[in-house]
Amino acid sequence: MRPWEEFEVSSWPQVLEENRGRRVKAWVQSPAGTHWLRKEPKESRPYELAIEALVLRLAEEVGLVAANGSVCTWQGHGSEKRGLAVELFLDRDREQLILGSTCLRREDAAYDPEAKWAHTLPRVRSVIDAAGGSRLLVDFAQLLAFDAWIGNADRHQENWGMIEPTGAGDSRLAPMYDPAACLGAELLDGDRHLSETTCPAERLLRYAGRCPSGFGDGSSPISLEQAVREAASWPEWQDNVRAWVAAFAKGMDTFEAFLPTVPSSWLPPHRKLFALRLLEHRLRWLERQI
């Protein structure tokens, strides 16, 4: 896996504002001239930063195209602040990111991006198929499979998108981004799920089974397990899922070896253990689906 990095970005000037989403964000420029989205965590989720940086590396390791992100620090209002820096993954002069919500609205003017249950997999499939057919559908199905493995609970309509050329050329699926709602990021320290002694395998499986998805069925949100069952009917899933799951299984060893390189100040040992246990359980569940 790509080595763990921590950037000190106090000297990186802010170049653009970013108002999308609920977390505080700003575009900053590195000494090399590249642009990075600097994100601050939610107060209730201090380990979300490290989890996102870790999962982006894991995605690369198992063959997904993913954003490049690392934890970072900077001085703000007399104290050190912590965040995540994600490198810009498109050429602003030649390309534009079209969020999933906009893609869906193009297809159906009545689509309400605020209604999460309207963000259905058949609707998403239709949009992606129109943009690039099987080529892009395979990429999106792989993203869904990876989400199922890590337990990403929030692949909502703005957490995926298409990169379109401003001139001639083909569209492509945006690299995976914002995979932070996974691996127990929402759990508070002291939660019994985080203890190996008080969270037996059965409870861990129940926890995994309650994971939402960010998709709906038209009238209500659906779970990640339901989303997997829907995606499993796609030919792009059926033709490739065995290879994807095999890559996830191989990635487990790499992940376990990589975890000790993550400083405990960013992700404490009990959080690392929970992440590892959850990935193992979810991998076994995925293997049973095929």
Protein backbone atom coordinates (compact mmCIF):
# COMPACT_ATOMS: atom_id res chain seq x y z
CA MET A 1 0.00 0.00 0.00
CA ARG A 2 1.06 3.57 -0.58
CA PRO A 3 3.01 4.68 2.50
CA TRP A 4 1.28 6.58 5.28
CA GLU A 5 1.94 10.32 5.03
CA GLU A 6 1.16 13.35 7.16
CA PHE A 7 1.36 16.80 5.56
CA GLU A 8 1.92 20.05 7.45
CA VAL A 9 -0.03 22.52 5.32
CA SER A 10 0.13 25.77 7.29
CA SER A 11 2.12 27.38 4.48
CA TRP A 12 -0.19 26.16 1.71
CA PRO A 13 -2.24 29.19 0.59
CA GLN A 14 -6.01 28.93 0.20
CA VAL A 15 -6.92 29.37 -3.47
CA LEU A 16 -10.61 28.49 -3.68
CA GLU A 17 -13.59 28.08 -1.39
CA GLU A 18 -15.54 24.83 -1.27
CA ASN A 19 -19.10 24.93 0.05
CA ARG A 20 -20.24 21.42 -0.90
CA GLY A 21 -21.04 19.11 2.01
CA ARG A 22 -21.32 19.65 5.74
CA ARG A 23 -17.65 19.58 6.72
CA VAL A 24 -15.48 22.70 6.60
CA LYS A 25 -13.38 22.57 3.42
CA ALA A 26 -11.01 24.75 1.41
CA TRP A 27 -8.86 24.30 -1.67
CA VAL A 28 -5.18 24.89 -0.90
CA GLN A 29 -2.09 24.88 -3.10
CA SER A 30 0.99 22.77 -2.37
CA PRO A 31 4.55 24.00 -2.93
CA ALA A 32 4.53 21.92 -6.13
CA GLY A 33 1.59 23.95 -7.42
CA THR A 34 -1.01 21.17 -7.16
CA HIS A 35 -4.41 21.81 -5.60
CA TRP A 36 -5.68 19.85 -2.61
CA LEU A 37 -9.05 19.87 -0.87
CA ARG A 38 -8.36 20.35 2.85
CA LYS A 39 -11.18 18.89 4.92
CA GLU A 40 -11.83 19.21 8.64
CA PRO A 41 -13.50 16.42 10.62
CA LYS A 42 -16.86 16.41 12.33
CA GLU A 43 -16.34 16.94 16.05
CA SER A 44 -18.12 13.67 16.81
CA ARG A 45 -15.88 11.67 14.43
CA PRO A 46 -12.22 12.45 15.21
CA TYR A 47 -10.95 9.22 13.62
CA GLU A 48 -12.78 9.76 10.34
CA LEU A 49 -9.71 11.46 8.86
CA ALA A 50 -7.39 8.50 9.34
CA ILE A 51 -10.07 6.04 8.24
CA GLU A 52 -10.61 7.91 4.98
CA ALA A 53 -6.85 8.16 4.29
CA LEU A 54 -6.49 4.45 5.06
CA VAL A 55 -9.43 3.36 2.91
CA LEU A 56 -8.25 5.39 -0.09
CA ARG A 57 -4.94 3.51 0.07
CA LEU A 58 -6.73 0.19 0.44
CA ALA A 59 -8.87 0.96 -2.62
CA GLU A 60 -5.77 1.57 -4.71
CA GLU A 61 -4.23 -1.65 -3.40
CA VAL A 62 -7.15 -3.79 -4.60
CA GLY A 63 -7.43 -2.19 -8.03
CA LEU A 64 -9.85 0.72 -7.79
CA VAL A 65 -9.17 4.17 -9.17
CA ALA A 66 -9.28 6.31 -6.03
CA ALA A 67 -8.50 9.85 -4.98
CA ASN A 68 -5.09 10.57 -3.45
CA GLY A 69 -5.53 11.64 0.16
CA SER A 70 -3.40 12.00 3.30
CA VAL A 71 -3.95 13.35 6.79
CA CYS A 72 -2.64 16.84 7.44
CA THR A 73 -2.11 19.44 10.15
CA TRP A 74 -1.95 23.23 10.18
CA GLN A 75 -1.94 26.11 12.61
CA GLY A 76 -5.27 27.83 13.07
CA HIS A 77 -6.36 30.37 15.69
CA GLY A 78 -3.41 29.61 17.93
CA SER A 79 -3.71 25.82 17.95
CA GLU A 80 -2.94 22.89 15.72
CA LYS A 81 -5.79 21.71 13.54
CA ARG A 82 -6.12 18.31 11.93
CA GLY A 83 -7.67 17.39 8.63
CA LEU A 84 -7.43 15.44 5.42
CA ALA A 85 -5.92 16.73 2.17
CA VAL A 86 -7.25 15.20 -1.06
CA GLU A 87 -5.50 15.97 -4.33
CA LEU A 88 -7.53 17.39 -7.22
CA PHE A 89 -8.22 14.49 -9.57
CA LEU A 90 -9.14 16.33 -12.75
CA ASP A 91 -7.78 18.98 -15.08
CA ARG A 92 -9.93 22.06 -14.46
CA ASP A 93 -8.95 23.54 -17.83
CA ARG A 94 -10.18 20.50 -19.78
CA GLU A 95 -12.54 18.59 -17.52
CA GLN A 96 -15.38 19.06 -15.08
CA LEU A 97 -16.80 16.93 -12.28
CA ILE A 98 -20.52 16.29 -12.65
CA LEU A 99 -21.95 15.04 -9.36
CA GLY A 100 -24.36 12.11 -9.34
CA SER A 101 -27.22 14.37 -8.29
CA THR A 102 -26.71 16.50 -11.42
CA CYS A 103 -26.40 13.41 -13.64
CA LEU A 104 -29.73 12.14 -12.32
CA ARG A 105 -31.43 15.51 -12.68
CA ARG A 106 -30.35 15.66 -16.33
CA GLU A 107 -32.23 12.42 -16.94
CA ASP A 108 -35.34 13.35 -14.97
CA ALA A 109 -36.22 16.98 -14.26
CA ALA A 110 -38.57 15.79 -11.50
CA TYR A 111 -35.76 14.06 -9.62
CA ASP A 112 -35.33 15.50 -6.11
CA PRO A 113 -31.69 15.31 -4.96
CA GLU A 114 -32.79 15.91 -1.37
CA ALA A 115 -34.85 12.70 -1.37
CA LYS A 116 -32.28 10.00 -0.69
CA TRP A 117 -34.80 7.23 -1.40
CA ALA A 118 -35.09 8.56 -4.98
CA HIS A 119 -31.39 7.75 -5.47
CA THR A 120 -32.07 4.23 -6.76
CA LEU A 121 -29.64 1.79 -8.35
CA PRO A 122 -31.78 1.30 -11.49
CA ARG A 123 -31.81 5.07 -11.99
CA VAL A 124 -28.05 5.30 -11.44
CA ARG A 125 -27.45 2.38 -13.79
CA SER A 126 -29.47 4.07 -16.53
CA VAL A 127 -27.46 7.30 -16.22
CA ILE A 128 -24.08 5.56 -16.25
CA ASP A 129 -25.09 3.28 -19.12
CA ALA A 130 -26.04 6.33 -21.20
CA ALA A 131 -22.71 8.00 -20.40
CA GLY A 132 -20.39 5.12 -21.25
CA GLY A 133 -22.13 1.76 -21.32
CA SER A 134 -20.51 -1.40 -20.02
CA ARG A 135 -17.10 0.25 -19.58
CA LEU A 136 -18.39 2.61 -16.90
CA LEU A 137 -20.89 0.14 -15.44
CA VAL A 138 -18.04 -2.25 -14.61
CA ASP A 139 -16.24 0.57 -12.81
CA PHE A 140 -19.33 1.51 -10.82
CA ALA A 141 -20.11 -2.10 -9.94
CA GLN A 142 -16.55 -2.49 -8.65
CA LEU A 143 -17.08 0.61 -6.51
CA LEU A 144 -20.24 -0.96 -5.07
CA ALA A 145 -18.40 -4.18 -4.30
CA PHE A 146 -15.64 -2.28 -2.49
CA ASP A 147 -18.25 -0.30 -0.53
CA ALA A 148 -19.83 -3.60 0.50
CA TRP A 149 -16.47 -4.83 1.78
CA ILE A 150 -15.56 -1.73 3.82
CA GLY A 151 -19.15 -1.07 4.91
CA ASN A 152 -19.41 2.39 3.35
CA ALA A 153 -22.75 3.68 4.59
CA ASP A 154 -22.94 6.86 2.54
CA ARG A 155 -22.56 6.43 -1.23
CA HIS A 156 -25.22 9.09 -1.71
CA GLN A 157 -25.95 11.08 -4.86
CA GLU A 158 -23.05 13.51 -4.35
CA ASN A 159 -20.50 10.88 -3.30
CA TRP A 160 -20.00 9.68 -6.85
CA GLY A 161 -19.80 11.50 -10.13
CA MET A 162 -18.70 11.62 -13.74
CA ILE A 163 -15.72 13.48 -15.14
CA GLU A 164 -16.68 15.01 -18.47
CA PRO A 165 -14.37 16.70 -20.99
CA THR A 166 -15.18 20.32 -21.74
CA GLY A 167 -14.45 19.55 -25.40
CA ALA A 168 -14.46 16.31 -27.36
CA GLY A 169 -13.75 13.02 -25.60
CA ASP A 170 -15.22 10.28 -23.45
CA SER A 171 -16.63 10.63 -19.96
CA ARG A 172 -15.22 8.56 -17.12
CA LEU A 173 -16.29 7.65 -13.64
CA ALA A 174 -14.70 9.93 -11.06
CA PRO A 175 -12.11 8.27 -8.82
CA MET A 176 -13.59 6.97 -5.58
CA TYR A 177 -13.85 9.77 -3.03
CA ASP A 178 -15.39 10.42 0.40
CA PRO A 179 -15.31 6.83 1.70
CA ALA A 180 -15.14 7.96 5.36
CA ALA A 181 -18.48 6.55 6.60
CA CYS A 182 -17.09 3.10 7.30
CA LEU A 183 -15.02 0.94 9.67
CA GLY A 184 -16.77 2.29 12.75
CA ALA A 185 -16.05 5.97 12.09
CA GLU A 186 -19.37 6.90 13.71
CA LEU A 187 -18.75 4.92 16.92
CA LEU A 188 -17.75 6.79 20.04
CA ASP A 189 -14.86 5.58 22.18
CA GLY A 190 -16.29 3.29 24.83
CA ASP A 191 -18.84 1.72 22.49
CA ARG A 192 -18.93 -2.01 23.18
CA HIS A 193 -18.53 -2.78 19.48
CA LEU A 194 -14.96 -1.51 19.73
CA SER A 195 -14.00 -4.14 22.29
CA GLU A 196 -12.96 -7.62 21.19
CA THR A 197 -14.16 -9.05 24.52
CA THR A 198 -17.59 -7.41 24.57
CA CYS A 199 -18.32 -7.62 20.84
CA PRO A 200 -18.59 -11.28 19.82
CA ALA A 201 -18.80 -12.26 16.18
CA GLU A 202 -22.61 -12.42 16.22
CA ARG A 203 -22.92 -8.83 17.41
CA LEU A 204 -20.36 -7.70 14.85
CA LEU A 205 -22.39 -9.32 12.10
CA ARG A 206 -25.57 -7.62 13.32
CA TYR A 207 -23.74 -4.30 13.31
CA ALA A 208 -22.58 -4.93 9.73
CA GLY A 209 -26.08 -5.97 8.66
CA ARG A 210 -27.57 -2.66 9.79
CA CYS A 211 -25.25 -0.64 7.55
CA PRO A 212 -27.11 1.80 5.26
CA SER A 213 -25.99 2.45 1.70
CA GLY A 214 -26.89 5.95 0.52
CA PHE A 215 -29.33 4.43 -2.01
CA GLY A 216 -33.10 4.05 -1.89
CA ASP A 217 -35.89 2.00 -3.44
CA GLY A 218 -37.99 4.98 -4.53
CA SER A 219 -39.89 5.31 -1.25
CA SER A 220 -37.34 4.65 1.52
CA PRO A 221 -33.60 4.18 2.05
CA ILE A 222 -32.15 0.68 1.60
CA SER A 223 -29.40 -1.11 3.48
CA LEU A 224 -26.01 -1.93 2.03
CA GLU A 225 -27.01 -5.60 1.96
CA GLN A 226 -30.07 -4.71 -0.12
CA ALA A 227 -27.92 -2.64 -2.47
CA VAL A 228 -25.60 -5.63 -2.96
CA ARG A 229 -28.53 -7.90 -3.76
CA GLU A 230 -29.68 -5.44 -6.42
CA ALA A 231 -26.22 -4.98 -7.91
CA ALA A 232 -25.75 -8.76 -7.99
CA SER A 233 -28.28 -8.90 -10.85
CA TRP A 234 -26.08 -6.73 -13.05
CA PRO A 235 -24.09 -8.67 -15.67
CA GLU A 236 -21.13 -6.40 -14.96
CA TRP A 237 -21.20 -7.59 -11.34
CA GLN A 238 -21.72 -11.24 -12.18
CA ASP A 239 -18.83 -11.30 -14.67
CA ASN A 240 -16.30 -9.66 -12.34
CA VAL A 241 -17.24 -10.05 -8.68
CA ARG A 242 -15.18 -13.22 -8.10
CA ALA A 243 -12.02 -11.45 -9.23
CA TRP A 244 -12.85 -8.40 -7.10
CA VAL A 245 -13.49 -10.45 -3.98
CA ALA A 246 -10.27 -12.42 -4.57
CA ALA A 247 -8.41 -9.09 -4.69
CA PHE A 248 -10.08 -8.04 -1.43
CA ALA A 249 -8.99 -11.29 0.22
CA LYS A 250 -5.41 -10.71 -0.91
CA GLY A 251 -5.64 -7.13 0.29
CA MET A 252 -6.51 -8.29 3.82
CA ASP A 253 -2.93 -9.41 4.41
CA THR A 254 -1.55 -6.14 3.11
CA PHE A 255 -4.01 -4.17 5.22
CA GLU A 256 -3.09 -6.04 8.40
CA ALA A 257 0.63 -5.48 7.76
CA PHE A 258 0.03 -1.79 6.98
CA LEU A 259 -2.00 -0.92 10.09
CA PRO A 260 1.03 -0.69 12.45
CA THR A 261 2.47 2.07 10.23
CA VAL A 262 -0.52 4.30 11.07
CA PRO A 263 0.40 6.37 14.15
CA SER A 264 -1.79 5.66 17.17
CA SER A 265 -2.36 9.40 17.53
CA TRP A 266 -4.41 9.18 14.35
CA LEU A 267 -5.98 5.74 14.85
CA PRO A 268 -5.65 4.03 18.25
CA PRO A 269 -5.00 0.26 18.55
CA HIS A 270 -8.60 -0.61 19.50
CA ARG A 271 -9.85 1.20 16.39
CA LYS A 272 -7.35 -0.63 14.19
CA LEU A 273 -8.47 -3.96 15.64
CA PHE A 274 -12.13 -3.17 15.06
CA ALA A 275 -11.42 -2.14 11.45
CA LEU A 276 -9.56 -5.38 10.84
CA ARG A 277 -12.28 -7.54 12.43
CA LEU A 278 -15.01 -5.77 10.48
CA LEU A 279 -13.22 -6.16 7.15
CA GLU A 280 -12.72 -9.87 7.84
CA HIS A 281 -16.41 -10.38 8.66
CA ARG A 282 -17.61 -8.40 5.67
CA LEU A 283 -15.24 -10.28 3.36
CA ARG A 284 -16.63 -13.63 4.55
CA TRP A 285 -20.15 -12.30 3.94
CA LEU A 286 -19.27 -11.16 0.41
CA GLU A 287 -17.70 -14.53 -0.36
CA ARG A 288 -21.00 -16.20 0.59
CA GLN A 289 -22.87 -13.96 -1.85
CA ILE A 290 -20.99 -15.46 -4.82
